[in-house]
């Protein structure tokens, strides 16, 4: 029997309209605007569609320009900037109502052998097992139709000034690396800006109360993919605030598998304005 397609992959897949031109659908998560991770994941998936061989993304840098309209599709225009012997470079521009709302630069590399090193750190797997035994990972986030997520409570977080959580895609994914990369990029937008509230005692569990106090809007986002992983297996995401000031907040993120291998790193800056 052919396995069913993950609803998240169906959402991230983009329809080919013409050469280097794709269309993705929007979805309203009751926030009044397109979720940034959606545009990031769709743009990466659209860029993957322009590659002719088995190259995998290793870095992506994105800027969010305008609020996305949840009631309109998004057009992705891909520029094939470079196809070299080892690397390919792509630029993706997301358009709604004739205006750019987002642009992305991404680099892809052919698989090759090289020196391998990372600073091993085993994440708190025991906290995950406790949550699974208690059946906690459900309904804790607005993406719960696509992901299982368990946020560590403040008294269980292993490092200061951090938001930490376990995550995985709710449905099984195929082996295609492009699917796992686009899914991880999708969820990597969740948590980074929230960590910038921690030093200011605004990190209350209720997300709605956050938005009553402050304005959080992503300006730019970067992600680096270091080594293979599966987005439908449990991954640990640590989001750590680095700086706040001038109406902006900046945070870094690290994503580990259960064995402690660093599979991806992220950085994000966004507006952090106290509402008057």
C-alpha atoms as a PDB file:
ATOM      1  CA  UNK A   1       0.000   0.000   0.000  1.00  0.00           C
ATOM      2  CA  UNK A   2       1.373   3.412  -0.945  1.00  0.00           C
ATOM      3  CA  UNK A   3       1.994   5.512   2.210  1.00  0.00           C
ATOM      4  CA  UNK A   4      -0.174   8.570   2.623  1.00  0.00           C
ATOM      5  CA  UNK A   5       1.394  11.971   1.995  1.00  0.00           C
ATOM      6  CA  UNK A   6       2.034  14.105   5.044  1.00  0.00           C
ATOM      7  CA  UNK A   7      -0.452  17.005   5.142  1.00  0.00           C
ATOM      8  CA  UNK A   8       2.468  19.277   6.038  1.00  0.00           C
ATOM      9  CA  UNK A   9       4.363  18.236   2.893  1.00  0.00           C
ATOM     10  CA  UNK A  10       1.235  18.803   0.830  1.00  0.00           C
ATOM     11  CA  UNK A  11       1.078  22.302   2.304  1.00  0.00           C
ATOM     12  CA  UNK A  12       4.772  23.012   1.660  1.00  0.00           C
ATOM     13  CA  UNK A  13       4.775  21.692  -1.905  1.00  0.00           C
ATOM     14  CA  UNK A  14       4.520  24.389  -4.560  1.00  0.00           C
ATOM     15  CA  UNK A  15       2.746  24.121  -7.901  1.00  0.00           C
ATOM     16  CA  UNK A  16       4.959  24.761 -10.945  1.00  0.00           C
ATOM     17  CA  UNK A  17       3.455  27.573 -13.022  1.00  0.00           C
ATOM     18  CA  UNK A  18       6.282  28.195 -15.468  1.00  0.00           C
ATOM     19  CA  UNK A  19      10.055  27.997 -15.699  1.00  0.00           C
ATOM     20  CA  UNK A  20      11.390  29.105 -12.264  1.00  0.00           C
ATOM     21  CA  UNK A  21       7.893  30.163 -11.170  1.00  0.00           C
ATOM     22  CA  UNK A  22       5.893  28.405  -8.441  1.00  0.00           C
ATOM     23  CA  UNK A  23       2.729  28.942  -6.424  1.00  0.00           C
ATOM     24  CA  UNK A  24       2.210  28.020  -2.770  1.00  0.00           C
ATOM     25  CA  UNK A  25      -0.974  28.167  -0.733  1.00  0.00           C
ATOM     26  CA  UNK A  26      -1.447  30.134   2.485  1.00  0.00           C
ATOM     27  CA  UNK A  27      -3.048  29.059   5.734  1.00  0.00           C
ATOM     28  CA  UNK A  28      -4.519  31.035   8.617  1.00  0.00           C
ATOM     29  CA  UNK A  29      -3.333  29.942  12.064  1.00  0.00           C
ATOM     30  CA  UNK A  30      -5.531  32.579  13.742  1.00  0.00           C
ATOM     31  CA  UNK A  31      -2.709  35.119  13.807  1.00  0.00           C
ATOM     32  CA  UNK A  32      -4.026  37.382  11.047  1.00  0.00           C
ATOM     33  CA  UNK A  33      -0.908  36.952   8.929  1.00  0.00           C
ATOM     34  CA  UNK A  34       1.084  34.273   7.124  1.00  0.00           C
ATOM     35  CA  UNK A  35       3.358  32.311   9.466  1.00  0.00           C
ATOM     36  CA  UNK A  36       6.968  33.133   8.562  1.00  0.00           C
ATOM     37  CA  UNK A  37       8.108  29.517   8.701  1.00  0.00           C
ATOM     38  CA  UNK A  38       5.565  28.688   6.006  1.00  0.00           C
ATOM     39  CA  UNK A  39       7.133  31.100   3.517  1.00  0.00           C
ATOM     40  CA  UNK A  40      10.629  29.945   4.468  1.00  0.00           C
ATOM     41  CA  UNK A  41       9.771  26.269   4.022  1.00  0.00           C
ATOM     42  CA  UNK A  42       7.891  26.797   0.754  1.00  0.00           C
ATOM     43  CA  UNK A  43      10.690  28.967  -0.684  1.00  0.00           C
ATOM     44  CA  UNK A  44      13.279  26.295   0.096  1.00  0.00           C
ATOM     45  CA  UNK A  45      11.088  23.585  -1.428  1.00  0.00           C
ATOM     46  CA  UNK A  46      10.554  25.691  -4.567  1.00  0.00           C
ATOM     47  CA  UNK A  47      14.315  26.297  -4.865  1.00  0.00           C
ATOM     48  CA  UNK A  48      14.947  22.550  -4.553  1.00  0.00           C
ATOM     49  CA  UNK A  49      12.714  22.030  -7.595  1.00  0.00           C
ATOM     50  CA  UNK A  50      15.242  23.889  -9.776  1.00  0.00           C
ATOM     51  CA  UNK A  51      18.191  21.585  -8.981  1.00  0.00           C
ATOM     52  CA  UNK A  52      19.229  18.956 -11.494  1.00  0.00           C
ATOM     53  CA  UNK A  53      21.232  16.645  -9.224  1.00  0.00           C
ATOM     54  CA  UNK A  54      21.475  15.381  -5.651  1.00  0.00           C
ATOM     55  CA  UNK A  55      22.591  18.625  -4.008  1.00  0.00           C
ATOM     56  CA  UNK A  56      21.370  19.470  -0.521  1.00  0.00           C
ATOM     57  CA  UNK A  57      20.845  22.832   1.080  1.00  0.00           C
ATOM     58  CA  UNK A  58      23.450  23.825   3.659  1.00  0.00           C
ATOM     59  CA  UNK A  59      22.483  27.440   4.368  1.00  0.00           C
ATOM     60  CA  UNK A  60      19.623  29.868   3.846  1.00  0.00           C
ATOM     61  CA  UNK A  61      19.289  33.559   4.696  1.00  0.00           C
ATOM     62  CA  UNK A  62      15.892  35.235   4.519  1.00  0.00           C
ATOM     63  CA  UNK A  63      14.332  38.667   4.982  1.00  0.00           C
ATOM     64  CA  UNK A  64      10.663  39.178   5.781  1.00  0.00           C
ATOM     65  CA  UNK A  65       9.533  42.395   4.098  1.00  0.00           C
ATOM     66  CA  UNK A  66       5.742  42.638   4.410  1.00  0.00           C
ATOM     67  CA  UNK A  67       2.947  40.919   6.291  1.00  0.00           C
ATOM     68  CA  UNK A  68       1.619  38.004   4.252  1.00  0.00           C
ATOM     69  CA  UNK A  69      -2.071  37.733   3.332  1.00  0.00           C
ATOM     70  CA  UNK A  70      -3.534  34.443   4.616  1.00  0.00           C
ATOM     71  CA  UNK A  71      -6.330  34.625   2.031  1.00  0.00           C
ATOM     72  CA  UNK A  72      -4.073  34.761  -1.032  1.00  0.00           C
ATOM     73  CA  UNK A  73      -1.612  32.312  -2.617  1.00  0.00           C
ATOM     74  CA  UNK A  74       2.090  33.161  -2.728  1.00  0.00           C
ATOM     75  CA  UNK A  75       4.085  33.265  -5.949  1.00  0.00           C
ATOM     76  CA  UNK A  76       7.740  32.197  -5.716  1.00  0.00           C
ATOM     77  CA  UNK A  77      10.130  33.390  -8.387  1.00  0.00           C
ATOM     78  CA  UNK A  78      13.457  31.492  -8.366  1.00  0.00           C
ATOM     79  CA  UNK A  79      16.678  32.945  -9.739  1.00  0.00           C
ATOM     80  CA  UNK A  80      19.281  30.295 -10.666  1.00  0.00           C
ATOM     81  CA  UNK A  81      22.249  32.390  -9.611  1.00  0.00           C
ATOM     82  CA  UNK A  82      24.924  29.684  -9.918  1.00  0.00           C
ATOM     83  CA  UNK A  83      25.372  26.018 -10.756  1.00  0.00           C
ATOM     84  CA  UNK A  84      29.034  25.226 -10.117  1.00  0.00           C
ATOM     85  CA  UNK A  85      30.857  21.927  -9.849  1.00  0.00           C
ATOM     86  CA  UNK A  86      30.159  21.593  -6.119  1.00  0.00           C
ATOM     87  CA  UNK A  87      27.712  24.345  -5.161  1.00  0.00           C
ATOM     88  CA  UNK A  88      24.494  25.848  -6.459  1.00  0.00           C
ATOM     89  CA  UNK A  89      23.096  29.218  -5.388  1.00  0.00           C
ATOM     90  CA  UNK A  90      19.450  30.210  -5.599  1.00  0.00           C
ATOM     91  CA  UNK A  91      17.483  33.358  -4.812  1.00  0.00           C
ATOM     92  CA  UNK A  92      13.761  33.081  -4.121  1.00  0.00           C
ATOM     93  CA  UNK A  93      11.371  36.032  -4.083  1.00  0.00           C
ATOM     94  CA  UNK A  94       7.881  35.606  -2.613  1.00  0.00           C
ATOM     95  CA  UNK A  95       5.190  37.828  -4.132  1.00  0.00           C
ATOM     96  CA  UNK A  96       1.599  38.620  -3.144  1.00  0.00           C
ATOM     97  CA  UNK A  97      -0.643  41.181  -4.826  1.00  0.00           C
ATOM     98  CA  UNK A  98       2.266  42.265  -7.037  1.00  0.00           C
ATOM     99  CA  UNK A  99       4.557  43.126  -4.095  1.00  0.00           C
ATOM    100  CA  UNK A 100       7.571  41.334  -2.615  1.00  0.00           C
ATOM    101  CA  UNK A 101       6.836  40.078   0.889  1.00  0.00           C
ATOM    102  CA  UNK A 102       9.982  37.968   1.379  1.00  0.00           C
ATOM    103  CA  UNK A 103      13.256  37.035  -0.251  1.00  0.00           C
ATOM    104  CA  UNK A 104      15.680  34.201   0.360  1.00  0.00           C
ATOM    105  CA  UNK A 105      19.251  33.359  -0.620  1.00  0.00           C
ATOM    106  CA  UNK A 106      20.160  29.681  -0.357  1.00  0.00           C
ATOM    107  CA  UNK A 107      23.208  27.564  -1.120  1.00  0.00           C
ATOM    108  CA  UNK A 108      23.218  23.880  -2.058  1.00  0.00           C
ATOM    109  CA  UNK A 109      26.162  21.460  -2.113  1.00  0.00           C
ATOM    110  CA  UNK A 110      26.981  18.092  -3.633  1.00  0.00           C
ATOM    111  CA  UNK A 111      27.599  15.415  -0.969  1.00  0.00           C
ATOM    112  CA  UNK A 112      31.286  15.032  -0.134  1.00  0.00           C
ATOM    113  CA  UNK A 113      33.497  13.550   2.566  1.00  0.00           C
ATOM    114  CA  UNK A 114      35.313  15.876   4.946  1.00  0.00           C
ATOM    115  CA  UNK A 115      36.616  16.425   8.463  1.00  0.00           C
ATOM    116  CA  UNK A 116      33.724  15.970  10.883  1.00  0.00           C
ATOM    117  CA  UNK A 117      33.556  17.702  14.280  1.00  0.00           C
ATOM    118  CA  UNK A 118      30.918  19.078  16.588  1.00  0.00           C
ATOM    119  CA  UNK A 119      30.846  19.793  20.298  1.00  0.00           C
ATOM    120  CA  UNK A 120      28.823  16.903  21.640  1.00  0.00           C
ATOM    121  CA  UNK A 121      26.089  17.804  24.095  1.00  0.00           C
ATOM    122  CA  UNK A 122      23.404  15.304  25.003  1.00  0.00           C
ATOM    123  CA  UNK A 123      20.040  17.067  25.312  1.00  0.00           C
ATOM    124  CA  UNK A 124      17.604  16.222  28.141  1.00  0.00           C
ATOM    125  CA  UNK A 125      16.146  13.041  26.667  1.00  0.00           C
ATOM    126  CA  UNK A 126      14.712  12.131  30.065  1.00  0.00           C
ATOM    127  CA  UNK A 127      12.409  15.167  29.896  1.00  0.00           C
ATOM    128  CA  UNK A 128      11.137  13.911  26.544  1.00  0.00           C
ATOM    129  CA  UNK A 129      10.465  10.419  27.870  1.00  0.00           C
ATOM    130  CA  UNK A 130       8.632  11.846  30.881  1.00  0.00           C
ATOM    131  CA  UNK A 131       6.473  13.976  28.582  1.00  0.00           C
ATOM    132  CA  UNK A 132       5.706  11.006  26.338  1.00  0.00           C
ATOM    133  CA  UNK A 133       4.764   8.871  29.344  1.00  0.00           C
ATOM    134  CA  UNK A 134       2.426  11.632  30.496  1.00  0.00           C
ATOM    135  CA  UNK A 135       1.175  12.224  26.941  1.00  0.00           C
ATOM    136  CA  UNK A 136       2.068  15.901  27.156  1.00  0.00           C
ATOM    137  CA  UNK A 137       3.112  16.723  23.550  1.00  0.00           C
ATOM    138  CA  UNK A 138      -0.283  17.773  22.223  1.00  0.00           C
ATOM    139  CA  UNK A 139      -2.120  21.039  21.723  1.00  0.00           C
ATOM    140  CA  UNK A 140       0.762  23.047  23.181  1.00  0.00           C
ATOM    141  CA  UNK A 141       1.298  25.177  20.083  1.00  0.00           C
ATOM    142  CA  UNK A 142      -0.671  26.594  17.198  1.00  0.00           C
ATOM    143  CA  UNK A 143       0.979  24.151  14.770  1.00  0.00           C
ATOM    144  CA  UNK A 144      -0.281  21.041  16.540  1.00  0.00           C
ATOM    145  CA  UNK A 145      -1.924  19.667  13.388  1.00  0.00           C
ATOM    146  CA  UNK A 146       1.546  19.324  11.871  1.00  0.00           C
ATOM    147  CA  UNK A 147       3.916  18.813  14.825  1.00  0.00           C
ATOM    148  CA  UNK A 148       4.277  17.154  18.181  1.00  0.00           C
ATOM    149  CA  UNK A 149       5.984  19.635  20.505  1.00  0.00           C
ATOM    150  CA  UNK A 150       6.997  19.544  24.161  1.00  0.00           C
ATOM    151  CA  UNK A 151       8.302  22.783  25.699  1.00  0.00           C
ATOM    152  CA  UNK A 152      10.500  22.330  28.752  1.00  0.00           C
ATOM    153  CA  UNK A 153       9.085  24.255  31.738  1.00  0.00           C
ATOM    154  CA  UNK A 154      11.329  26.999  33.125  1.00  0.00           C
ATOM    155  CA  UNK A 155      12.444  24.824  36.045  1.00  0.00           C
ATOM    156  CA  UNK A 156      13.588  22.054  33.654  1.00  0.00           C
ATOM    157  CA  UNK A 157      15.505  24.218  31.153  1.00  0.00           C
ATOM    158  CA  UNK A 158      19.175  23.201  31.154  1.00  0.00           C
ATOM    159  CA  UNK A 159      20.655  26.636  30.359  1.00  0.00           C
ATOM    160  CA  UNK A 160      19.798  30.193  31.338  1.00  0.00           C
ATOM    161  CA  UNK A 161      18.068  32.645  28.990  1.00  0.00           C
ATOM    162  CA  UNK A 162      16.793  29.782  26.833  1.00  0.00           C
ATOM    163  CA  UNK A 163      13.558  28.465  25.434  1.00  0.00           C
ATOM    164  CA  UNK A 164      13.967  24.726  24.868  1.00  0.00           C
ATOM    165  CA  UNK A 165      11.637  22.187  23.339  1.00  0.00           C
ATOM    166  CA  UNK A 166      11.425  18.786  21.694  1.00  0.00           C
ATOM    167  CA  UNK A 167       9.723  18.630  18.306  1.00  0.00           C
ATOM    168  CA  UNK A 168       8.967  16.315  15.405  1.00  0.00           C
ATOM    169  CA  UNK A 169       6.664  16.163  12.417  1.00  0.00           C
ATOM    170  CA  UNK A 170       3.410  14.472  13.404  1.00  0.00           C
ATOM    171  CA  UNK A 171       3.258  12.353  10.237  1.00  0.00           C
ATOM    172  CA  UNK A 172       5.915  10.131   8.664  1.00  0.00           C
ATOM    173  CA  UNK A 173       8.009  11.750   5.927  1.00  0.00           C
ATOM    174  CA  UNK A 174       9.649  10.136   2.889  1.00  0.00           C
ATOM    175  CA  UNK A 175      13.436   9.782   2.734  1.00  0.00           C
ATOM    176  CA  UNK A 176      13.900  12.733   0.378  1.00  0.00           C
ATOM    177  CA  UNK A 177      16.262  15.215   2.167  1.00  0.00           C
ATOM    178  CA  UNK A 178      14.471  18.175   0.571  1.00  0.00           C
ATOM    179  CA  UNK A 179      11.336  17.307   2.543  1.00  0.00           C
ATOM    180  CA  UNK A 180      13.173  17.126   5.854  1.00  0.00           C
ATOM    181  CA  UNK A 181      15.039  20.382   5.183  1.00  0.00           C
ATOM    182  CA  UNK A 182      11.888  22.303   4.278  1.00  0.00           C
ATOM    183  CA  UNK A 183      10.031  20.908   7.317  1.00  0.00           C
ATOM    184  CA  UNK A 184      12.839  21.820   9.718  1.00  0.00           C
ATOM    185  CA  UNK A 185      13.072  25.305   8.198  1.00  0.00           C
ATOM    186  CA  UNK A 186       9.316  25.627   8.678  1.00  0.00           C
ATOM    187  CA  UNK A 187       9.421  24.989  12.425  1.00  0.00           C
ATOM    188  CA  UNK A 188      12.750  26.782  13.003  1.00  0.00           C
ATOM    189  CA  UNK A 189      10.829  30.084  13.025  1.00  0.00           C
ATOM    190  CA  UNK A 190       9.054  29.018  16.211  1.00  0.00           C
ATOM    191  CA  UNK A 191      10.692  30.046  19.478  1.00  0.00           C
ATOM    192  CA  UNK A 192      13.624  32.290  18.573  1.00  0.00           C
ATOM    193  CA  UNK A 193      11.891  35.617  19.074  1.00  0.00           C
ATOM    194  CA  UNK A 194       9.976  34.250  22.048  1.00  0.00           C
ATOM    195  CA  UNK A 195      13.311  33.714  23.813  1.00  0.00           C
ATOM    196  CA  UNK A 196      14.025  37.464  23.621  1.00  0.00           C
ATOM    197  CA  UNK A 197      11.198  38.011  26.128  1.00  0.00           C
ATOM    198  CA  UNK A 198      12.856  35.930  28.857  1.00  0.00           C
ATOM    199  CA  UNK A 199      15.255  38.575  30.289  1.00  0.00           C
ATOM    200  CA  UNK A 200      12.340  41.005  30.575  1.00  0.00           C
ATOM    201  CA  UNK A 201      10.055  38.657  32.543  1.00  0.00           C
ATOM    202  CA  UNK A 202       7.586  38.522  29.680  1.00  0.00           C
ATOM    203  CA  UNK A 203       7.931  34.803  29.027  1.00  0.00           C
ATOM    204  CA  UNK A 204       4.509  33.771  30.284  1.00  0.00           C
ATOM    205  CA  UNK A 205       3.109  30.441  29.064  1.00  0.00           C
ATOM    206  CA  UNK A 206       0.105  32.050  27.384  1.00  0.00           C
ATOM    207  CA  UNK A 207       1.112  33.202  23.892  1.00  0.00           C
ATOM    208  CA  UNK A 208      -1.897  35.489  23.620  1.00  0.00           C
ATOM    209  CA  UNK A 209      -0.725  37.513  26.626  1.00  0.00           C
ATOM    210  CA  UNK A 210       2.671  37.980  24.951  1.00  0.00           C
ATOM    211  CA  UNK A 211       1.044  39.722  22.018  1.00  0.00           C
ATOM    212  CA  UNK A 212      -0.970  41.929  24.336  1.00  0.00           C
ATOM    213  CA  UNK A 213       2.255  43.324  25.814  1.00  0.00           C
ATOM    214  CA  UNK A 214       4.770  43.407  22.966  1.00  0.00           C
ATOM    215  CA  UNK A 215       4.982  43.414  19.190  1.00  0.00           C
ATOM    216  CA  UNK A 216       7.085  40.532  17.855  1.00  0.00           C
ATOM    217  CA  UNK A 217       7.720  40.481  14.094  1.00  0.00           C
ATOM    218  CA  UNK A 218      10.528  38.614  12.338  1.00  0.00           C
ATOM    219  CA  UNK A 219      12.864  40.771  10.248  1.00  0.00           C
ATOM    220  CA  UNK A 220      15.438  38.232   9.106  1.00  0.00           C
ATOM    221  CA  UNK A 221      16.168  34.564   9.671  1.00  0.00           C
ATOM    222  CA  UNK A 222      19.110  32.288   8.883  1.00  0.00           C
ATOM    223  CA  UNK A 223      19.534  28.526   9.088  1.00  0.00           C
ATOM    224  CA  UNK A 224      22.538  26.283   8.518  1.00  0.00           C
ATOM    225  CA  UNK A 225      22.160  22.531   7.980  1.00  0.00           C
ATOM    226  CA  UNK A 226      25.195  20.645   9.294  1.00  0.00           C
ATOM    227  CA  UNK A 227      24.467  16.937   8.963  1.00  0.00           C
ATOM    228  CA  UNK A 228      21.667  14.493   8.056  1.00  0.00           C
ATOM    229  CA  UNK A 229      18.583  14.188  10.266  1.00  0.00           C
ATOM    230  CA  UNK A 230      14.955  13.165  10.159  1.00  0.00           C
ATOM    231  CA  UNK A 231      12.330  15.790  10.897  1.00  0.00           C
ATOM    232  CA  UNK A 232       9.811  13.047  11.741  1.00  0.00           C
ATOM    233  CA  UNK A 233      11.998  11.900  14.636  1.00  0.00           C
ATOM    234  CA  UNK A 234      12.385  13.842  17.878  1.00  0.00           C
ATOM    235  CA  UNK A 235      14.766  16.822  17.658  1.00  0.00           C
ATOM    236  CA  UNK A 236      15.752  19.208  20.444  1.00  0.00           C
ATOM    237  CA  UNK A 237      15.634  22.960  19.745  1.00  0.00           C
ATOM    238  CA  UNK A 238      17.401  25.414  22.027  1.00  0.00           C
ATOM    239  CA  UNK A 239      16.602  29.101  21.405  1.00  0.00           C
ATOM    240  CA  UNK A 240      18.818  31.534  23.302  1.00  0.00           C
ATOM    241  CA  UNK A 241      18.500  35.316  23.477  1.00  0.00           C
ATOM    242  CA  UNK A 242      21.699  37.191  22.617  1.00  0.00           C
ATOM    243  CA  UNK A 243      20.668  40.847  22.632  1.00  0.00           C
ATOM    244  CA  UNK A 244      17.694  43.186  22.823  1.00  0.00           C
ATOM    245  CA  UNK A 245      17.679  46.921  22.140  1.00  0.00           C
ATOM    246  CA  UNK A 246      16.644  49.647  19.683  1.00  0.00           C
ATOM    247  CA  UNK A 247      13.254  47.999  19.362  1.00  0.00           C
ATOM    248  CA  UNK A 248      14.787  44.725  18.165  1.00  0.00           C
ATOM    249  CA  UNK A 249      15.623  41.331  19.614  1.00  0.00           C
ATOM    250  CA  UNK A 250      18.256  38.851  18.430  1.00  0.00           C
ATOM    251  CA  UNK A 251      18.531  35.142  19.245  1.00  0.00           C
ATOM    252  CA  UNK A 252      20.501  32.069  18.182  1.00  0.00           C
ATOM    253  CA  UNK A 253      19.255  28.502  18.002  1.00  0.00           C
ATOM    254  CA  UNK A 254      20.806  25.052  17.978  1.00  0.00           C
ATOM    255  CA  UNK A 255      19.020  21.888  16.909  1.00  0.00           C
ATOM    256  CA  UNK A 256      20.221  18.466  18.104  1.00  0.00           C
ATOM    257  CA  UNK A 257      19.162  14.892  17.525  1.00  0.00           C
ATOM    258  CA  UNK A 258      18.601  12.581  20.496  1.00  0.00           C
ATOM    259  CA  UNK A 259      22.231  11.398  20.415  1.00  0.00           C
ATOM    260  CA  UNK A 260      23.528  14.961  20.779  1.00  0.00           C
ATOM    261  CA  UNK A 261      24.667  15.565  17.191  1.00  0.00           C
ATOM    262  CA  UNK A 262      24.262  19.182  16.120  1.00  0.00           C
ATOM    263  CA  UNK A 263      22.115  18.964  12.980  1.00  0.00           C
ATOM    264  CA  UNK A 264      21.320  22.654  12.374  1.00  0.00           C
ATOM    265  CA  UNK A 265      21.940  26.183  13.680  1.00  0.00           C
ATOM    266  CA  UNK A 266      19.700  29.235  13.403  1.00  0.00           C
ATOM    267  CA  UNK A 267      19.776  32.980  13.972  1.00  0.00           C
ATOM    268  CA  UNK A 268      16.910  35.456  13.942  1.00  0.00           C
ATOM    269  CA  UNK A 269      16.325  39.162  14.488  1.00  0.00           C
ATOM    270  CA  UNK A 270      12.945  40.776  14.842  1.00  0.00           C
ATOM    271  CA  UNK A 271      11.014  43.744  16.116  1.00  0.00           C
ATOM    272  CA  UNK A 272      10.606  43.757  19.885  1.00  0.00           C
ATOM    273  CA  UNK A 273       8.429  46.730  20.759  1.00  0.00           C
ATOM    274  CA  UNK A 274       6.539  47.268  23.969  1.00  0.00           C
ATOM    275  CA  UNK A 275       2.985  48.296  23.202  1.00  0.00           C
ATOM    276  CA  UNK A 276       1.873  51.579  24.710  1.00  0.00           C
END
